[in-house]
């Protein structure tokens, strides 16, 4: 049991560390490539690697969708890879130089968003304490976004779109994480691989429509060459290894505990950004601490209020 729990912690840690490094890296990638094309490349290569791994691990049966809820798997995959890939990185691009810091701290709201999503899907009303801590978490996010100048929320409406897109993308990822519980017989590898492939059908169609309609220009060859290292890291480290570890860890720890590790994402992003010259200010650090503190308090509260099992021994 202890070994299994440790494995879950290790997997969630690997996933969130790899994702924390993604946002600073995307700052330079998004100067050369639009978020839609980058998402197609990132998850396209990751999906191919995952399918190969699934075929080697589980054989032909692992690729079989007969009798399974393929429609739901497609919906969850689309939510993750269109909703997260398109909207989060579009929001980061719109946010400019500090987009990596803002986006990473918004990822730390996922545990609170998970409570709300679980409440809707399971028809469970979150306790009043959790609702209060959700508000505290978002207050921390607002502190990061505004750098402590809360009145600026009303002075710069152009930033609303970027922030709203990032939050919506984070919400899509929460749906994807919680959605794994609807496939209890699937291994984490099968859930990751099949939802990736099915979600990629939506990514490809939408990306093609953006090109055809002229809303997004086809990037130049030099731009594709420039982002090769970015695509390699995000496809094989952050996606293939990261998402697979994430689903393994959440299957062991349950999403309630697993999403708590999203607090590591901004810590990693802040550290890497500082090393590249983009240092978070005092308000941004304070906001990250407020959000992290709210997450920890809520997790401890939910653990405390969960009734303990009583074992009655019989003679």
Protein backbone atom coordinates (compact mmCIF):
# COMPACT_ATOMS: atom_id res chain seq x y z
CA UNK A 1 0.00 0.00 0.00
CA UNK A 2 2.79 2.41 0.96
CA UNK A 3 4.71 1.59 -2.22
CA UNK A 4 1.60 2.20 -4.31
CA UNK A 5 0.95 5.57 -2.65
CA UNK A 6 4.58 6.59 -3.12
CA UNK A 7 4.32 5.67 -6.79
CA UNK A 8 1.24 7.87 -7.13
CA UNK A 9 3.03 10.80 -5.49
CA UNK A 10 6.09 10.29 -7.70
CA UNK A 11 3.99 10.17 -10.89
CA UNK A 12 2.06 13.35 -10.04
CA UNK A 13 5.31 15.06 -9.14
CA UNK A 14 6.96 14.12 -12.44
CA UNK A 15 3.89 15.33 -14.38
CA UNK A 16 3.59 18.72 -12.70
CA UNK A 17 7.34 19.40 -12.83
CA UNK A 18 7.34 18.73 -16.57
CA UNK A 19 4.31 21.00 -17.07
CA UNK A 20 5.80 23.79 -14.98
CA UNK A 21 8.74 23.97 -17.37
CA UNK A 22 6.39 24.09 -20.37
CA UNK A 23 4.99 27.59 -19.83
CA UNK A 24 8.33 29.51 -19.80
CA UNK A 25 9.41 27.47 -22.83
CA UNK A 26 6.20 28.37 -24.66
CA UNK A 27 6.99 32.09 -24.31
CA UNK A 28 9.57 31.86 -27.09
CA UNK A 29 7.70 29.21 -29.10
CA UNK A 30 4.55 31.36 -29.34
CA UNK A 31 6.56 34.18 -30.93
CA UNK A 32 7.12 31.95 -33.95
CA UNK A 33 4.12 29.63 -34.07
CA UNK A 34 0.43 30.08 -33.36
CA UNK A 35 -1.00 28.03 -30.46
CA UNK A 36 -3.25 25.99 -32.79
CA UNK A 37 -0.44 24.68 -35.00
CA UNK A 38 1.77 24.07 -31.98
CA UNK A 39 -1.01 22.10 -30.26
CA UNK A 40 -1.42 19.96 -33.38
CA UNK A 41 2.30 19.15 -33.48
CA UNK A 42 2.62 18.60 -29.74
CA UNK A 43 -0.30 16.27 -29.20
CA UNK A 44 -0.02 14.69 -32.64
CA UNK A 45 3.45 13.28 -31.94
CA UNK A 46 2.47 12.43 -28.37
CA UNK A 47 -0.61 10.51 -29.58
CA UNK A 48 1.49 8.46 -32.02
CA UNK A 49 3.95 7.54 -29.26
CA UNK A 50 1.14 6.65 -26.85
CA UNK A 51 -0.62 4.39 -29.37
CA UNK A 52 2.64 2.55 -30.08
CA UNK A 53 3.21 2.11 -26.35
CA UNK A 54 -0.37 0.86 -25.85
CA UNK A 55 -0.04 -1.64 -28.71
CA UNK A 56 3.20 -3.00 -27.28
CA UNK A 57 1.84 -3.11 -23.73
CA UNK A 58 -1.71 -4.40 -24.19
CA UNK A 59 -1.75 -5.77 -27.73
CA UNK A 60 -4.63 -5.39 -30.18
CA UNK A 61 -7.17 -5.63 -27.38
CA UNK A 62 -5.85 -2.40 -25.92
CA UNK A 63 -6.85 -0.55 -29.10
CA UNK A 64 -10.32 -2.10 -29.17
CA UNK A 65 -13.18 0.34 -28.51
CA UNK A 66 -15.95 -2.20 -29.06
CA UNK A 67 -18.60 -1.89 -26.38
CA UNK A 68 -16.88 1.13 -24.86
CA UNK A 69 -18.19 4.69 -24.61
CA UNK A 70 -16.19 6.01 -27.54
CA UNK A 71 -18.29 9.19 -27.74
CA UNK A 72 -17.49 10.11 -24.15
CA UNK A 73 -13.81 9.31 -24.68
CA UNK A 74 -13.79 11.60 -27.74
CA UNK A 75 -15.51 14.37 -25.78
CA UNK A 76 -13.01 14.15 -22.91
CA UNK A 77 -10.07 13.99 -25.31
CA UNK A 78 -11.36 17.01 -27.20
CA UNK A 79 -11.86 18.92 -23.94
CA UNK A 80 -8.28 18.18 -22.90
CA UNK A 81 -6.40 18.71 -26.13
CA UNK A 82 -8.56 21.34 -27.84
CA UNK A 83 -9.80 23.06 -24.70
CA UNK A 84 -6.48 23.05 -22.88
CA UNK A 85 -4.08 23.17 -25.83
CA UNK A 86 -5.84 25.88 -27.81
CA UNK A 87 -7.26 28.13 -25.11
CA UNK A 88 -4.54 28.06 -22.45
CA UNK A 89 -1.71 28.81 -24.88
CA UNK A 90 -3.77 31.36 -26.80
CA UNK A 91 -4.39 33.09 -23.46
CA UNK A 92 -0.67 32.91 -22.63
CA UNK A 93 0.20 34.42 -26.02
CA UNK A 94 -2.30 37.25 -25.48
CA UNK A 95 -0.92 37.91 -21.98
CA UNK A 96 2.52 38.77 -23.37
CA UNK A 97 5.88 38.50 -21.60
CA UNK A 98 4.41 37.68 -18.19
CA UNK A 99 1.98 35.17 -19.67
CA UNK A 100 3.98 32.18 -18.42
CA UNK A 101 3.74 33.33 -14.80
CA UNK A 102 0.05 34.22 -15.02
CA UNK A 103 -0.84 30.97 -16.78
CA UNK A 104 1.11 28.77 -14.38
CA UNK A 105 -0.54 30.23 -11.27
CA UNK A 106 -3.96 29.77 -12.89
CA UNK A 107 -3.15 26.09 -13.26
CA UNK A 108 -3.00 25.96 -9.45
CA UNK A 109 -6.73 26.71 -9.34
CA UNK A 110 -7.45 23.26 -10.77
CA UNK A 111 -7.98 21.62 -7.37
CA UNK A 112 -10.71 24.14 -6.58
CA UNK A 113 -12.19 23.82 -10.05
CA UNK A 114 -12.14 20.05 -9.47
CA UNK A 115 -14.36 20.45 -6.42
CA UNK A 116 -16.88 22.41 -8.47
CA UNK A 117 -16.79 19.95 -11.39
CA UNK A 118 -17.15 16.98 -9.05
CA UNK A 119 -20.08 18.72 -7.38
CA UNK A 120 -21.82 19.17 -10.74
CA UNK A 121 -21.10 15.66 -12.07
CA UNK A 122 -21.76 13.82 -8.80
CA UNK A 123 -24.49 16.22 -7.62
CA UNK A 124 -22.55 16.84 -4.42
CA UNK A 125 -22.73 20.35 -2.98
CA UNK A 126 -19.26 21.47 -1.78
CA UNK A 127 -19.13 22.30 1.94
CA UNK A 128 -19.19 25.97 2.92
CA UNK A 129 -15.55 25.84 4.06
CA UNK A 130 -14.46 24.57 0.62
CA UNK A 131 -16.44 27.32 -1.12
CA UNK A 132 -14.70 29.89 1.08
CA UNK A 133 -11.30 28.43 0.24
CA UNK A 134 -12.20 28.45 -3.45
CA UNK A 135 -12.79 32.19 -3.16
CA UNK A 136 -9.47 32.54 -1.33
CA UNK A 137 -7.73 30.63 -4.12
CA UNK A 138 -9.14 32.91 -6.79
CA UNK A 139 -8.17 35.95 -4.71
CA UNK A 140 -4.59 34.70 -4.94
CA UNK A 141 -4.94 34.41 -8.71
CA UNK A 142 -6.31 37.95 -8.93
CA UNK A 143 -3.32 39.16 -6.92
CA UNK A 144 -0.95 37.60 -9.46
CA UNK A 145 -2.87 38.93 -12.48
CA UNK A 146 -3.16 42.48 -11.18
CA UNK A 147 0.21 42.51 -9.34
CA UNK A 148 -1.71 43.72 -6.30
CA UNK A 149 -3.42 46.60 -8.14
CA UNK A 150 -6.96 45.21 -8.11
CA UNK A 151 -8.48 48.33 -9.69
CA UNK A 152 -6.59 47.48 -12.89
CA UNK A 153 -9.16 44.74 -13.51
CA UNK A 154 -11.48 47.54 -14.59
CA UNK A 155 -8.81 49.60 -16.35
CA UNK A 156 -7.61 46.94 -18.81
CA UNK A 157 -10.57 44.99 -20.18
CA UNK A 158 -8.33 43.61 -22.94
CA UNK A 159 -6.75 41.29 -20.37
CA UNK A 160 -10.14 39.77 -19.52
CA UNK A 161 -10.11 37.65 -22.66
CA UNK A 162 -6.65 36.22 -22.01
CA UNK A 163 -7.43 35.37 -18.40
CA UNK A 164 -10.86 33.93 -19.24
CA UNK A 165 -9.33 31.71 -21.95
CA UNK A 166 -6.72 30.35 -19.53
CA UNK A 167 -9.30 29.60 -16.83
CA UNK A 168 -11.56 27.91 -19.39
CA UNK A 169 -8.65 25.78 -20.60
CA UNK A 170 -7.84 24.79 -17.01
CA UNK A 171 -11.50 23.85 -16.49
CA UNK A 172 -11.34 21.62 -19.58
CA UNK A 173 -8.33 19.80 -18.12
CA UNK A 174 -10.21 19.23 -14.87
CA UNK A 175 -13.07 17.62 -16.82
CA UNK A 176 -10.52 15.37 -18.51
CA UNK A 177 -8.94 14.37 -15.19
CA UNK A 178 -12.25 13.64 -13.47
CA UNK A 179 -13.53 11.90 -16.61
CA UNK A 180 -11.06 9.05 -16.17
CA UNK A 181 -13.30 7.73 -13.38
CA UNK A 182 -15.93 6.90 -16.03
CA UNK A 183 -13.55 4.28 -17.48
CA UNK A 184 -12.62 2.22 -14.40
CA UNK A 185 -11.63 -0.85 -16.43
CA UNK A 186 -9.15 1.06 -18.59
CA UNK A 187 -5.51 1.26 -17.63
CA UNK A 188 -4.03 4.78 -17.37
CA UNK A 189 -2.06 4.07 -20.55
CA UNK A 190 -5.22 3.10 -22.47
CA UNK A 191 -7.15 6.13 -21.23
CA UNK A 192 -4.29 8.47 -22.13
CA UNK A 193 -3.64 6.94 -25.55
CA UNK A 194 -7.23 6.58 -26.77
CA UNK A 195 -8.40 9.98 -25.55
CA UNK A 196 -5.30 11.51 -27.18
CA UNK A 197 -6.07 9.91 -30.55
CA UNK A 198 -9.78 10.73 -30.42
CA UNK A 199 -9.11 14.27 -29.22
CA UNK A 200 -6.62 14.78 -32.05
CA UNK A 201 -9.41 14.33 -34.60
CA UNK A 202 -10.97 17.52 -33.22
CA UNK A 203 -7.62 19.31 -33.12
CA UNK A 204 -6.86 18.47 -36.76
CA UNK A 205 -10.30 19.48 -38.03
CA UNK A 206 -10.31 22.81 -36.20
CA UNK A 207 -6.73 23.60 -37.21
CA UNK A 208 -7.55 22.84 -40.86
CA UNK A 209 -10.63 25.11 -40.71
CA UNK A 210 -8.50 27.95 -39.31
CA UNK A 211 -6.09 27.58 -42.25
CA UNK A 212 -8.81 27.26 -44.90
CA UNK A 213 -10.75 30.29 -43.66
CA UNK A 214 -7.59 32.37 -43.44
CA UNK A 215 -8.05 33.13 -39.74
CA UNK A 216 -4.59 31.69 -39.12
CA UNK A 217 -1.74 31.86 -41.61
CA UNK A 218 0.25 28.74 -42.41
CA UNK A 219 3.61 29.19 -40.64
CA UNK A 220 6.85 29.47 -42.59
CA UNK A 221 9.30 26.58 -42.75
CA UNK A 222 11.78 28.57 -40.64
CA UNK A 223 9.19 28.84 -37.87
CA UNK A 224 8.70 25.07 -37.85
CA UNK A 225 12.48 24.57 -37.65
CA UNK A 226 12.77 27.02 -34.75
CA UNK A 227 10.20 25.20 -32.57
CA UNK A 228 11.61 21.68 -33.06
CA UNK A 229 13.16 21.61 -29.53
CA UNK A 230 9.94 23.03 -28.05
CA UNK A 231 7.80 20.44 -29.82
CA UNK A 232 10.13 17.62 -28.79
CA UNK A 233 9.99 18.56 -25.11
CA UNK A 234 6.26 19.23 -24.94
CA UNK A 235 5.32 16.18 -27.02
CA UNK A 236 7.52 13.52 -25.44
CA UNK A 237 8.32 14.85 -21.96
CA UNK A 238 5.35 17.03 -20.98
CA UNK A 239 2.72 15.06 -22.95
CA UNK A 240 3.82 11.44 -23.43
CA UNK A 241 5.53 11.10 -20.04
CA UNK A 242 3.71 13.92 -18.22
CA UNK A 243 0.11 13.09 -19.09
CA UNK A 244 0.68 9.36 -18.67
CA UNK A 245 2.23 9.91 -15.23
CA UNK A 246 -0.63 12.26 -14.37
CA UNK A 247 -3.30 9.68 -15.16
CA UNK A 248 -1.37 6.93 -13.34
CA UNK A 249 -0.91 9.13 -10.28
CA UNK A 250 -4.55 10.21 -10.17
CA UNK A 251 -5.74 6.63 -10.50
CA UNK A 252 -3.70 5.74 -7.42
CA UNK A 253 -4.27 8.87 -5.32
CA UNK A 254 -7.74 9.82 -6.72
CA UNK A 255 -8.26 13.21 -8.43
CA UNK A 256 -9.06 14.89 -5.09
CA UNK A 257 -5.50 14.34 -3.92
CA UNK A 258 -3.77 14.26 -7.30
CA UNK A 259 -4.80 17.73 -8.44
CA UNK A 260 -3.20 19.18 -5.30
CA UNK A 261 0.13 18.69 -7.07
CA UNK A 262 -0.84 21.39 -9.59
CA UNK A 263 0.52 23.82 -6.99
CA UNK A 264 3.99 22.68 -8.10
CA UNK A 265 3.42 24.06 -11.62
CA UNK A 266 3.71 27.76 -10.71
CA UNK A 267 6.67 27.09 -8.41
CA UNK A 268 8.54 25.44 -11.29
CA UNK A 269 7.48 28.11 -13.79
CA UNK A 270 8.46 30.94 -11.41
CA UNK A 271 11.89 29.37 -10.84
CA UNK A 272 12.65 28.86 -14.53
CA UNK A 273 11.32 32.31 -15.46
CA UNK A 274 13.56 33.87 -12.80
CA UNK A 275 16.59 32.10 -14.29
CA UNK A 276 15.72 33.54 -17.73
CA UNK A 277 15.41 37.08 -16.41
CA UNK A 278 11.65 37.34 -15.85
CA UNK A 279 11.44 37.58 -12.08
CA UNK A 280 8.09 37.52 -10.27
CA UNK A 281 7.44 40.50 -8.02
CA UNK A 282 6.33 40.45 -4.40
CA UNK A 283 2.57 40.58 -5.28
CA UNK A 284 2.96 37.62 -7.67
CA UNK A 285 4.80 35.55 -5.07
CA UNK A 286 2.22 36.54 -2.42
CA UNK A 287 -0.65 35.58 -4.73
CA UNK A 288 0.94 32.20 -5.45
CA UNK A 289 1.34 31.59 -1.71
CA UNK A 290 -2.29 32.54 -1.03
CA UNK A 291 -3.52 30.13 -3.69
CA UNK A 292 -1.22 27.34 -2.51
CA UNK A 293 -2.23 27.87 1.12
CA UNK A 294 -5.92 27.67 0.15
CA UNK A 295 -5.32 24.39 -1.69
CA UNK A 296 -3.51 22.82 1.26
CA UNK A 297 -6.15 23.97 3.77
CA UNK A 298 -8.94 22.60 1.64
CA UNK A 299 -7.25 19.24 1.18
CA UNK A 300 -6.64 18.94 4.93
CA UNK A 301 -10.23 19.95 5.67
CA UNK A 302 -11.68 17.38 3.26
CA UNK A 303 -9.48 14.68 4.77
CA UNK A 304 -10.54 15.67 8.30
CA UNK A 305 -14.26 15.63 7.55
CA UNK A 306 -14.09 12.26 5.76
CA UNK A 307 -15.39 9.66 8.21
CA UNK A 308 -12.79 7.11 9.23
CA UNK A 309 -13.53 3.46 8.80
CA UNK A 310 -13.99 1.60 12.07
CA UNK A 311 -12.82 -2.00 12.15
CA UNK A 312 -14.74 -4.20 14.63
CA UNK A 313 -12.92 -7.34 15.62
CA UNK A 314 -14.91 -10.41 16.48
CA UNK A 315 -13.70 -13.17 18.74
